[in-house]
Amino acid sequence: MNLDYDQAAEVVNFGAFIAFMGVNAAVIASFFFRPPVGYTRKWLSDLLVPGLGFVMAFVIWCYLSNTAKVVGAIWCAVGVVYAAIKTRGFRDKPVMLDLSGA
């Protein structure tokens, strides 16, 4: 299967929108459902805004082409398998890049 420029861009967008949804979900989980000690929950900034961001990213993600979704899902699956192999079934921590000397 050959991907043209537009299809390749949609595959990249597949990953980008999955990441955007993950970031918004992490904000909700970290600040609304499990706030740090002494932190006061804020409905607007801790639930509503990231919730809307998640929904918007999901809606856009739904409108990606089927080709982008299939290739993106395969790309994601290969990444998970690679991570599982490199971490011995997720028993070891993944290798972290040290960019402090760069």
PDB file of N, CA and C in Angstrom:
ATOM      1  N   MET A   1       0.840  -1.168   0.000  1.00  0.00           N
ATOM      2  CA  MET A   1       0.000   0.000   0.000  1.00  0.00           C
ATOM      3  C   MET A   1       0.888   1.235   0.000  1.00  0.00           C
ATOM      4  N   ASN A   2       0.659   2.126  -0.915  1.00  0.00           N
ATOM      5  CA  ASN A   2       1.397   3.383  -0.967  1.00  0.00           C
ATOM      6  C   ASN A   2       0.531   4.502  -0.403  1.00  0.00           C
ATOM      7  N   LEU A   3       1.119   5.282   0.486  1.00  0.00           N
ATOM      8  CA  LEU A   3       0.402   6.422   1.045  1.00  0.00           C
ATOM      9  C   LEU A   3       0.855   7.685   0.337  1.00  0.00           C
ATOM     10  N   ASP A   4      -0.098   8.494  -0.099  1.00  0.00           N
ATOM     11  CA  ASP A   4       0.281   9.788  -0.651  1.00  0.00           C
ATOM     12  C   ASP A   4       0.463  10.777   0.512  1.00  0.00           C
ATOM     13  N   TYR A   5       0.799  11.997   0.170  1.00  0.00           N
ATOM     14  CA  TYR A   5       1.097  13.006   1.200  1.00  0.00           C
ATOM     15  C   TYR A   5      -0.088  13.221   2.144  1.00  0.00           C
ATOM     16  N   ASP A   6      -1.292  13.352   1.597  1.00  0.00           N
ATOM     17  CA  ASP A   6      -2.475  13.598   2.432  1.00  0.00           C
ATOM     18  C   ASP A   6      -2.752  12.423   3.367  1.00  0.00           C
ATOM     19  N   GLN A   7      -2.615  11.206   2.860  1.00  0.00           N
ATOM     20  CA  GLN A   7      -2.850  10.032   3.700  1.00  0.00           C
ATOM     21  C   GLN A   7      -1.799   9.932   4.800  1.00  0.00           C
ATOM     22  N   ALA A   8      -0.545  10.214   4.466  1.00  0.00           N
ATOM     23  CA  ALA A   8       0.513  10.173   5.476  1.00  0.00           C
ATOM     24  C   ALA A   8       0.270  11.230   6.555  1.00  0.00           C
ATOM     25  N   ALA A   9      -0.198  12.405   6.139  1.00  0.00           N
ATOM     26  CA  ALA A   9      -0.509  13.458   7.113  1.00  0.00           C
ATOM     27  C   ALA A   9      -1.646  13.021   8.028  1.00  0.00           C
ATOM     28  N   GLU A  10      -2.628  12.320   7.492  1.00  0.00           N
ATOM     29  CA  GLU A  10      -3.727  11.833   8.328  1.00  0.00           C
ATOM     30  C   GLU A  10      -3.247  10.777   9.321  1.00  0.00           C
ATOM     31  N   VAL A  11      -2.299   9.941   8.922  1.00  0.00           N
ATOM     32  CA  VAL A  11      -1.756   8.944   9.853  1.00  0.00           C
ATOM     33  C   VAL A  11      -1.036   9.640  11.002  1.00  0.00           C
ATOM     34  N   VAL A  12      -0.285  10.680  10.680  1.00  0.00           N
ATOM     35  CA  VAL A  12       0.382  11.450  11.738  1.00  0.00           C
ATOM     36  C   VAL A  12      -0.672  12.105  12.634  1.00  0.00           C
ATOM     37  N   ASN A  13      -1.742  12.621  12.036  1.00  0.00           N
ATOM     38  CA  ASN A  13      -2.818  13.222  12.828  1.00  0.00           C
ATOM     39  C   ASN A  13      -3.500  12.191  13.714  1.00  0.00           C
ATOM     40  N   PHE A  14      -3.577  10.947  13.269  1.00  0.00           N
ATOM     41  CA  PHE A  14      -4.127   9.872  14.098  1.00  0.00           C
ATOM     42  C   PHE A  14      -3.387   9.838  15.431  1.00  0.00           C
ATOM     43  N   GLY A  15      -2.068   9.791  15.364  1.00  0.00           N
ATOM     44  CA  GLY A  15      -1.262   9.750  16.583  1.00  0.00           C
ATOM     45  C   GLY A  15      -1.351  11.028  17.384  1.00  0.00           C
ATOM     46  N   ALA A  16      -1.379  12.161  16.696  1.00  0.00           N
ATOM     47  CA  ALA A  16      -1.444  13.446  17.389  1.00  0.00           C
ATOM     48  C   ALA A  16      -2.750  13.583  18.163  1.00  0.00           C
ATOM     49  N   PHE A  17      -3.859  13.229  17.555  1.00  0.00           N
ATOM     50  CA  PHE A  17      -5.134  13.364  18.254  1.00  0.00           C
ATOM     51  C   PHE A  17      -5.293  12.348  19.378  1.00  0.00           C
ATOM     52  N   ILE A  18      -4.714  11.160  19.215  1.00  0.00           N
ATOM     53  CA  ILE A  18      -4.694  10.208  20.336  1.00  0.00           C
ATOM     54  C   ILE A  18      -3.912  10.819  21.499  1.00  0.00           C
ATOM     55  N   ALA A  19      -2.779  11.451  21.199  1.00  0.00           N
ATOM     56  CA  ALA A  19      -1.972  12.092  22.241  1.00  0.00           C
ATOM     57  C   ALA A  19      -2.720  13.250  22.887  1.00  0.00           C
ATOM     58  N   PHE A  20      -3.402  14.079  22.092  1.00  0.00           N
ATOM     59  CA  PHE A  20      -4.172  15.198  22.655  1.00  0.00           C
ATOM     60  C   PHE A  20      -5.260  14.676  23.593  1.00  0.00           C
ATOM     61  N   MET A  21      -5.929  13.608  23.183  1.00  0.00           N
ATOM     62  CA  MET A  21      -6.961  13.031  24.051  1.00  0.00           C
ATOM     63  C   MET A  21      -6.341  12.504  25.340  1.00  0.00           C
ATOM     64  N   GLY A  22      -5.168  11.878  25.220  1.00  0.00           N
ATOM     65  CA  GLY A  22      -4.494  11.362  26.406  1.00  0.00           C
ATOM     66  C   GLY A  22      -4.061  12.455  27.369  1.00  0.00           C
ATOM     67  N   VAL A  23      -3.564  13.559  26.841  1.00  0.00           N
ATOM     68  CA  VAL A  23      -3.154  14.675  27.697  1.00  0.00           C
ATOM     69  C   VAL A  23      -4.358  15.244  28.435  1.00  0.00           C
ATOM     70  N   ASN A  24      -5.457  15.448  27.724  1.00  0.00           N
ATOM     71  CA  ASN A  24      -6.655  15.989  28.371  1.00  0.00           C
ATOM     72  C   ASN A  24      -7.208  15.024  29.421  1.00  0.00           C
ATOM     73  N   ALA A  25      -7.201  13.745  29.126  1.00  0.00           N
ATOM     74  CA  ALA A  25      -7.661  12.755  30.102  1.00  0.00           C
ATOM     75  C   ALA A  25      -6.742  12.729  31.323  1.00  0.00           C
ATOM     76  N   ALA A  26      -5.439  12.888  31.101  1.00  0.00           N
ATOM     77  CA  ALA A  26      -4.492  12.903  32.219  1.00  0.00           C
ATOM     78  C   ALA A  26      -4.696  14.119  33.114  1.00  0.00           C
ATOM     79  N   VAL A  27      -5.015  15.265  32.522  1.00  0.00           N
ATOM     80  CA  VAL A  27      -5.288  16.470  33.326  1.00  0.00           C
ATOM     81  C   VAL A  27      -6.515  16.240  34.197  1.00  0.00           C
ATOM     82  N   ILE A  28      -7.556  15.679  33.611  1.00  0.00           N
ATOM     83  CA  ILE A  28      -8.769  15.410  34.392  1.00  0.00           C
ATOM     84  C   ILE A  28      -8.472  14.429  35.518  1.00  0.00           C
ATOM     85  N   ALA A  29      -7.757  13.352  35.207  1.00  0.00           N
ATOM     86  CA  ALA A  29      -7.449  12.342  36.225  1.00  0.00           C
ATOM     87  C   ALA A  29      -6.557  12.906  37.316  1.00  0.00           C
ATOM     88  N   SER A  30      -5.557  13.693  36.918  1.00  0.00           N
ATOM     89  CA  SER A  30      -4.566  14.168  37.890  1.00  0.00           C
ATOM     90  C   SER A  30      -5.063  15.309  38.760  1.00  0.00           C
ATOM     91  N   PHE A  31      -5.870  16.189  38.204  1.00  0.00           N
ATOM     92  CA  PHE A  31      -6.265  17.372  38.962  1.00  0.00           C
ATOM     93  C   PHE A  31      -7.705  17.353  39.444  1.00  0.00           C
ATOM     94  N   PHE A  32      -8.571  16.613  38.774  1.00  0.00           N
ATOM     95  CA  PHE A  32      -9.961  16.596  39.220  1.00  0.00           C
ATOM     96  C   PHE A  32     -10.258  15.381  40.096  1.00  0.00           C
ATOM     97  N   PHE A  33      -9.861  14.203  39.651  1.00  0.00           N
ATOM     98  CA  PHE A  33     -10.189  12.992  40.405  1.00  0.00           C
ATOM     99  C   PHE A  33      -9.159  12.644  41.476  1.00  0.00           C
ATOM    100  N   ARG A  34      -7.881  12.999  41.266  1.00  0.00           N
ATOM    101  CA  ARG A  34      -6.837  12.745  42.265  1.00  0.00           C
ATOM    102  C   ARG A  34      -5.998  14.000  42.456  1.00  0.00           C
ATOM    103  N   PRO A  35      -6.588  15.048  43.004  1.00  0.00           N
ATOM    104  CA  PRO A  35      -5.832  16.306  43.131  1.00  0.00           C
ATOM    105  C   PRO A  35      -4.687  16.150  44.129  1.00  0.00           C
ATOM    106  N   PRO A  36      -3.598  16.903  43.898  1.00  0.00           N
ATOM    107  CA  PRO A  36      -2.495  16.878  44.860  1.00  0.00           C
ATOM    108  C   PRO A  36      -2.966  17.358  46.235  1.00  0.00           C
ATOM    109  N   VAL A  37      -2.247  16.969  47.261  1.00  0.00           N
ATOM    110  CA  VAL A  37      -2.597  17.366  48.622  1.00  0.00           C
ATOM    111  C   VAL A  37      -2.604  18.888  48.721  1.00  0.00           C
ATOM    112  N   GLY A  38      -3.657  19.432  49.282  1.00  0.00           N
ATOM    113  CA  GLY A  38      -3.771  20.871  49.460  1.00  0.00           C
ATOM    114  C   GLY A  38      -4.285  21.612  48.241  1.00  0.00           C
ATOM    115  N   TYR A  39      -4.567  20.905  47.147  1.00  0.00           N
ATOM    116  CA  TYR A  39      -5.035  21.536  45.909  1.00  0.00           C
ATOM    117  C   TYR A  39      -6.551  21.609  45.935  1.00  0.00           C
ATOM    118  N   THR A  40      -7.096  22.739  45.575  1.00  0.00           N
ATOM    119  CA  THR A  40      -8.536  22.901  45.512  1.00  0.00           C
ATOM    120  C   THR A  40      -8.998  22.665  44.077  1.00  0.00           C
ATOM    121  N   ARG A  41      -9.925  21.726  43.924  1.00  0.00           N
ATOM    122  CA  ARG A  41     -10.442  21.423  42.590  1.00  0.00           C
ATOM    123  C   ARG A  41     -11.127  22.640  41.996  1.00  0.00           C
ATOM    124  N   LYS A  42     -10.925  22.813  40.700  1.00  0.00           N
ATOM    125  CA  LYS A  42     -11.599  23.874  39.964  1.00  0.00           C
ATOM    126  C   LYS A  42     -12.368  23.229  38.826  1.00  0.00           C
ATOM    127  N   TRP A  43     -13.675  23.365  38.841  1.00  0.00           N
ATOM    128  CA  TRP A  43     -14.516  22.720  37.837  1.00  0.00           C
ATOM    129  C   TRP A  43     -14.162  23.158  36.425  1.00  0.00           C
ATOM    130  N   LEU A  44     -13.899  24.450  36.243  1.00  0.00           N
ATOM    131  CA  LEU A  44     -13.669  24.956  34.896  1.00  0.00           C
ATOM    132  C   LEU A  44     -12.332  24.466  34.337  1.00  0.00           C
ATOM    133  N   SER A  45     -11.248  24.720  35.064  1.00  0.00           N
ATOM    134  CA  SER A  45      -9.922  24.405  34.525  1.00  0.00           C
ATOM    135  C   SER A  45      -9.510  22.950  34.716  1.00  0.00           C
ATOM    136  N   ASP A  46     -10.142  22.240  35.634  1.00  0.00           N
ATOM    137  CA  ASP A  46      -9.741  20.859  35.894  1.00  0.00           C
ATOM    138  C   ASP A  46     -10.658  19.812  35.267  1.00  0.00           C
ATOM    139  N   LEU A  47     -11.853  20.204  34.887  1.00  0.00           N
ATOM    140  CA  LEU A  47     -12.779  19.243  34.301  1.00  0.00           C
ATOM    141  C   LEU A  47     -13.374  19.733  32.984  1.00  0.00           C
ATOM    142  N   LEU A  48     -13.951  20.920  32.987  1.00  0.00           N
ATOM    143  CA  LEU A  48     -14.680  21.377  31.809  1.00  0.00           C
ATOM    144  C   LEU A  48     -13.775  21.644  30.605  1.00  0.00           C
ATOM    145  N   VAL A  49     -12.719  22.428  30.784  1.00  0.00           N
ATOM    146  CA  VAL A  49     -11.846  22.775  29.652  1.00  0.00           C
ATOM    147  C   VAL A  49     -11.137  21.542  29.085  1.00  0.00           C
ATOM    148  N   PRO A  50     -10.475  20.705  29.918  1.00  0.00           N
ATOM    149  CA  PRO A  50      -9.862  19.508  29.323  1.00  0.00           C
ATOM    150  C   PRO A  50     -10.896  18.522  28.790  1.00  0.00           C
ATOM    151  N   GLY A  51     -12.091  18.491  29.391  1.00  0.00           N
ATOM    152  CA  GLY A  51     -13.147  17.619  28.866  1.00  0.00           C
ATOM    153  C   GLY A  51     -13.585  18.044  27.474  1.00  0.00           C
ATOM    154  N   LEU A  52     -13.738  19.353  27.285  1.00  0.00           N
ATOM    155  CA  LEU A  52     -14.071  19.862  25.953  1.00  0.00           C
ATOM    156  C   LEU A  52     -12.934  19.608  24.969  1.00  0.00           C
ATOM    157  N   GLY A  53     -11.693  19.758  25.431  1.00  0.00           N
ATOM    158  CA  GLY A  53     -10.545  19.464  24.569  1.00  0.00           C
ATOM    159  C   GLY A  53     -10.532  18.009  24.139  1.00  0.00           C
ATOM    160  N   PHE A  54     -10.844  17.113  25.071  1.00  0.00           N
ATOM    161  CA  PHE A  54     -10.908  15.683  24.748  1.00  0.00           C
ATOM    162  C   PHE A  54     -11.989  15.424  23.706  1.00  0.00           C
ATOM    163  N   VAL A  55     -13.173  15.985  23.930  1.00  0.00           N
ATOM    164  CA  VAL A  55     -14.293  15.751  23.016  1.00  0.00           C
ATOM    165  C   VAL A  55     -13.974  16.307  21.624  1.00  0.00           C
ATOM    166  N   MET A  56     -13.407  17.506  21.554  1.00  0.00           N
ATOM    167  CA  MET A  56     -13.077  18.093  20.251  1.00  0.00           C
ATOM    168  C   MET A  56     -12.043  17.254  19.511  1.00  0.00           C
ATOM    169  N   ALA A  57     -11.006  16.805  20.220  1.00  0.00           N
ATOM    170  CA  ALA A  57      -9.990  15.967  19.588  1.00  0.00           C
ATOM    171  C   ALA A  57     -10.601  14.645  19.122  1.00  0.00           C
ATOM    172  N   PHE A  58     -11.508  14.084  19.932  1.00  0.00           N
ATOM    173  CA  PHE A  58     -12.152  12.821  19.560  1.00  0.00           C
ATOM    174  C   PHE A  58     -13.020  12.986  18.313  1.00  0.00           C
ATOM    175  N   VAL A  59     -13.775  14.079  18.246  1.00  0.00           N
ATOM    176  CA  VAL A  59     -14.634  14.314  17.081  1.00  0.00           C
ATOM    177  C   VAL A  59     -13.788  14.444  15.823  1.00  0.00           C
ATOM    178  N   ILE A  60     -12.705  15.209  15.893  1.00  0.00           N
ATOM    179  CA  ILE A  60     -11.827  15.358  14.724  1.00  0.00           C
ATOM    180  C   ILE A  60     -11.210  14.013  14.366  1.00  0.00           C
ATOM    181  N   TRP A  61     -10.780  13.257  15.377  1.00  0.00           N
ATOM    182  CA  TRP A  61     -10.190  11.938  15.152  1.00  0.00           C
ATOM    183  C   TRP A  61     -11.193  11.020  14.436  1.00  0.00           C
ATOM    184  N   CYS A  62     -12.468  11.115  14.795  1.00  0.00           N
ATOM    185  CA  CYS A  62     -13.496  10.278  14.166  1.00  0.00           C
ATOM    186  C   CYS A  62     -13.633  10.562  12.676  1.00  0.00           C
ATOM    187  N   TYR A  63     -13.326  11.793  12.261  1.00  0.00           N
ATOM    188  CA  TYR A  63     -13.463  12.160  10.855  1.00  0.00           C
ATOM    189  C   TYR A  63     -12.225  11.838  10.017  1.00  0.00           C
ATOM    190  N   LEU A  64     -11.208  11.242  10.604  1.00  0.00           N
ATOM    191  CA  LEU A  64     -10.062  10.803   9.812  1.00  0.00           C
ATOM    192  C   LEU A  64     -10.507   9.654   8.908  1.00  0.00           C
ATOM    193  N   SER A  65      -9.793   9.470   7.825  1.00  0.00           N
ATOM    194  CA  SER A  65     -10.162   8.401   6.889  1.00  0.00           C
ATOM    195  C   SER A  65      -9.950   7.028   7.514  1.00  0.00           C
ATOM    196  N   ASN A  66     -10.641   6.039   6.967  1.00  0.00           N
ATOM    197  CA  ASN A  66     -10.475   4.669   7.459  1.00  0.00           C
ATOM    198  C   ASN A  66      -9.044   4.183   7.246  1.00  0.00           C
ATOM    199  N   THR A  67      -8.429   4.597   6.145  1.00  0.00           N
ATOM    200  CA  THR A  67      -7.032   4.220   5.892  1.00  0.00           C
ATOM    201  C   THR A  67      -6.137   4.730   7.005  1.00  0.00           C
ATOM    202  N   ALA A  68      -6.342   5.982   7.404  1.00  0.00           N
ATOM    203  CA  ALA A  68      -5.530   6.561   8.480  1.00  0.00           C
ATOM    204  C   ALA A  68      -5.756   5.811   9.790  1.00  0.00           C
ATOM    205  N   LYS A  69      -6.985   5.431  10.060  1.00  0.00           N
ATOM    206  CA  LYS A  69      -7.280   4.702  11.304  1.00  0.00           C
ATOM    207  C   LYS A  69      -6.647   3.314  11.295  1.00  0.00           C
ATOM    208  N   VAL A  70      -6.711   2.619  10.163  1.00  0.00           N
ATOM    209  CA  VAL A  70      -6.132   1.275  10.080  1.00  0.00           C
ATOM    210  C   VAL A  70      -4.614   1.345  10.189  1.00  0.00           C
ATOM    211  N   VAL A  71      -3.995   2.214   9.382  1.00  0.00           N
ATOM    212  CA  VAL A  71      -2.531   2.337   9.421  1.00  0.00           C
ATOM    213  C   VAL A  71      -2.087   2.845  10.788  1.00  0.00           C
ATOM    214  N   GLY A  72      -2.821   3.799  11.360  1.00  0.00           N
ATOM    215  CA  GLY A  72      -2.486   4.318  12.687  1.00  0.00           C
ATOM    216  C   GLY A  72      -2.606   3.253  13.769  1.00  0.00           C
ATOM    217  N   ALA A  73      -3.637   2.427  13.686  1.00  0.00           N
ATOM    218  CA  ALA A  73      -3.805   1.345  14.664  1.00  0.00           C
ATOM    219  C   ALA A  73      -2.680   0.322  14.549  1.00  0.00           C
ATOM    220  N   ILE A  74      -2.282   0.016  13.322  1.00  0.00           N
ATOM    221  CA  ILE A  74      -1.153  -0.910  13.121  1.00  0.00           C
ATOM    222  C   ILE A  74       0.122  -0.293  13.671  1.00  0.00           C
ATOM    223  N   TRP A  75       0.338   0.982  13.381  1.00  0.00           N
ATOM    224  CA  TRP A  75       1.513   1.702  13.876  1.00  0.00           C
ATOM    225  C   TRP A  75       1.544   1.677  15.409  1.00  0.00           C
ATOM    226  N   CYS A  76       0.400   1.921  16.032  1.00  0.00           N
ATOM    227  CA  CYS A  76       0.299   1.899  17.497  1.00  0.00           C
ATOM    228  C   CYS A  76       0.570   0.488  18.041  1.00  0.00           C
ATOM    229  N   ALA A  77       0.004  -0.525  17.394  1.00  0.00           N
ATOM    230  CA  ALA A  77       0.200  -1.907  17.840  1.00  0.00           C
ATOM    231  C   ALA A  77       1.666  -2.316  17.742  1.00  0.00           C
ATOM    232  N   VAL A  78       2.332  -1.926  16.654  1.00  0.00           N
ATOM    233  CA  VAL A  78       3.759  -2.232  16.505  1.00  0.00           C
ATOM    234  C   VAL A  78       4.546  -1.549  17.628  1.00  0.00           C
ATOM    235  N   GLY A  79       4.189  -0.324  17.964  1.00  0.00           N
ATOM    236  CA  GLY A  79       4.865   0.382  19.055  1.00  0.00           C
ATOM    237  C   GLY A  79       4.673  -0.296  20.396  1.00  0.00           C
ATOM    238  N   VAL A  80       3.465  -0.782  20.664  1.00  0.00           N
ATOM    239  CA  VAL A  80       3.196  -1.477  21.929  1.00  0.00           C
ATOM    240  C   VAL A  80       3.961  -2.785  21.982  1.00  0.00           C
ATOM    241  N   VAL A  81       3.998  -3.537  20.882  1.00  0.00           N
ATOM    242  CA  VAL A  81       4.751  -4.791  20.840  1.00  0.00           C
ATOM    243  C   VAL A  81       6.237  -4.514  21.040  1.00  0.00           C
ATOM    244  N   TYR A  82       6.758  -3.489  20.371  1.00  0.00           N
ATOM    245  CA  TYR A  82       8.172  -3.117  20.530  1.00  0.00           C
ATOM    246  C   TYR A  82       8.476  -2.760  21.989  1.00  0.00           C
ATOM    247  N   ALA A  83       7.607  -1.959  22.607  1.00  0.00           N
ATOM    248  CA  ALA A  83       7.810  -1.585  24.013  1.00  0.00           C
ATOM    249  C   ALA A  83       7.748  -2.813  24.917  1.00  0.00           C
ATOM    250  N   ALA A  84       6.833  -3.736  24.619  1.00  0.00           N
ATOM    251  CA  ALA A  84       6.726  -4.957  25.429  1.00  0.00           C
ATOM    252  C   ALA A  84       7.993  -5.794  25.321  1.00  0.00           C
ATOM    253  N   ILE A  85       8.555  -5.875  24.133  1.00  0.00           N
ATOM    254  CA  ILE A  85       9.788  -6.646  23.949  1.00  0.00           C
ATOM    255  C   ILE A  85      10.949  -5.973  24.679  1.00  0.00           C
ATOM    256  N   LYS A  86      11.088  -4.661  24.496  1.00  0.00           N
ATOM    257  CA  LYS A  86      12.212  -3.932  25.102  1.00  0.00           C
ATOM    258  C   LYS A  86      12.148  -3.901  26.629  1.00  0.00           C
ATOM    259  N   THR A  87      10.941  -4.016  27.207  1.00  0.00           N
ATOM    260  CA  THR A  87      10.805  -3.949  28.665  1.00  0.00           C
ATOM    261  C   THR A  87      10.515  -5.322  29.271  1.00  0.00           C
ATOM    262  N   ARG A  88      10.766  -6.382  28.490  1.00  0.00           N
ATOM    263  CA  ARG A  88      10.535  -7.759  28.952  1.00  0.00           C
ATOM    264  C   ARG A  88       9.119  -7.926  29.502  1.00  0.00           C
ATOM    265  N   GLY A  89       8.148  -7.581  28.657  1.00  0.00           N
ATOM    266  CA  GLY A  89       6.745  -7.717  29.057  1.00  0.00           C
ATOM    267  C   GLY A  89       6.316  -6.654  30.044  1.00  0.00           C
ATOM    268  N   PHE A  90       6.907  -5.480  29.959  1.00  0.00           N
ATOM    269  CA  PHE A  90       6.629  -4.329  30.814  1.00  0.00           C
ATOM    270  C   PHE A  90       7.045  -4.554  32.271  1.00  0.00           C
ATOM    271  N   ARG A  91       7.994  -5.469  32.492  1.00  0.00           N
ATOM    272  CA  ARG A  91       8.530  -5.679  33.838  1.00  0.00           C
ATOM    273  C   ARG A  91       9.669  -4.715  34.142  1.00  0.00           C
ATOM    274  N   ASP A  92      10.420  -4.301  33.115  1.00  0.00           N
ATOM    275  CA  ASP A  92      11.506  -3.329  33.293  1.00  0.00           C
ATOM    276  C   ASP A  92      11.017  -1.948  32.899  1.00  0.00           C
ATOM    277  N   LYS A  93      11.680  -0.941  33.459  1.00  0.00           N
ATOM    278  CA  LYS A  93      11.354   0.430  33.070  1.00  0.00           C
ATOM    279  C   LYS A  93      11.891   0.690  31.671  1.00  0.00           C
ATOM    280  N   PRO A  94      11.171   1.493  30.884  1.00  0.00           N
ATOM    281  CA  PRO A  94      11.694   1.821  29.556  1.00  0.00           C
ATOM    282  C   PRO A  94      12.935   2.704  29.667  1.00  0.00           C
ATOM    283  N   VAL A  95      13.776   2.650  28.663  1.00  0.00           N
ATOM    284  CA  VAL A  95      14.982   3.466  28.638  1.00  0.00           C
ATOM    285  C   VAL A  95      14.569   4.922  28.479  1.00  0.00           C
ATOM    286  N   MET A  96      15.119   5.774  29.336  1.00  0.00           N
ATOM    287  CA  MET A  96      14.804   7.199  29.268  1.00  0.00           C
ATOM    288  C   MET A  96      15.951   7.933  28.603  1.00  0.00           C
ATOM    289  N   LEU A  97      15.611   8.897  27.768  1.00  0.00           N
ATOM    290  CA  LEU A  97      16.640   9.705  27.116  1.00  0.00           C
ATOM    291  C   LEU A  97      17.129  10.762  28.092  1.00  0.00           C
ATOM    292  N   ASP A  98      18.446  10.926  28.153  1.00  0.00           N
ATOM    293  CA  ASP A  98      19.039  11.951  28.997  1.00  0.00           C
ATOM    294  C   ASP A  98      19.542  13.065  28.097  1.00  0.00           C
ATOM    295  N   LEU A  99      18.808  14.153  28.048  1.00  0.00           N
ATOM    296  CA  LEU A  99      19.162  15.275  27.192  1.00  0.00           C
ATOM    297  C   LEU A  99      19.797  16.419  27.989  1.00  0.00           C
ATOM    298  N   SER A 100      20.181  16.146  29.225  1.00  0.00           N
ATOM    299  CA  SER A 100      20.733  17.208  30.057  1.00  0.00           C
ATOM    300  C   SER A 100      22.090  17.691  29.564  1.00  0.00           C
ATOM    301  N   GLY A 101      22.857  16.821  28.898  1.00  0.00           N
ATOM    302  CA  GLY A 101      24.178  17.206  28.405  1.00  0.00           C
ATOM    303  C   GLY A 101      24.145  17.735  26.982  1.00  0.00           C
ATOM    304  N   ALA A 102      22.984  17.766  26.392  1.00  0.00           N
ATOM    305  CA  ALA A 102      22.867  18.198  24.985  1.00  0.00           C
ATOM    306  C   ALA A 102      22.905  19.698  24.846  1.00  0.00           C
TER     307      ALA A 102
END
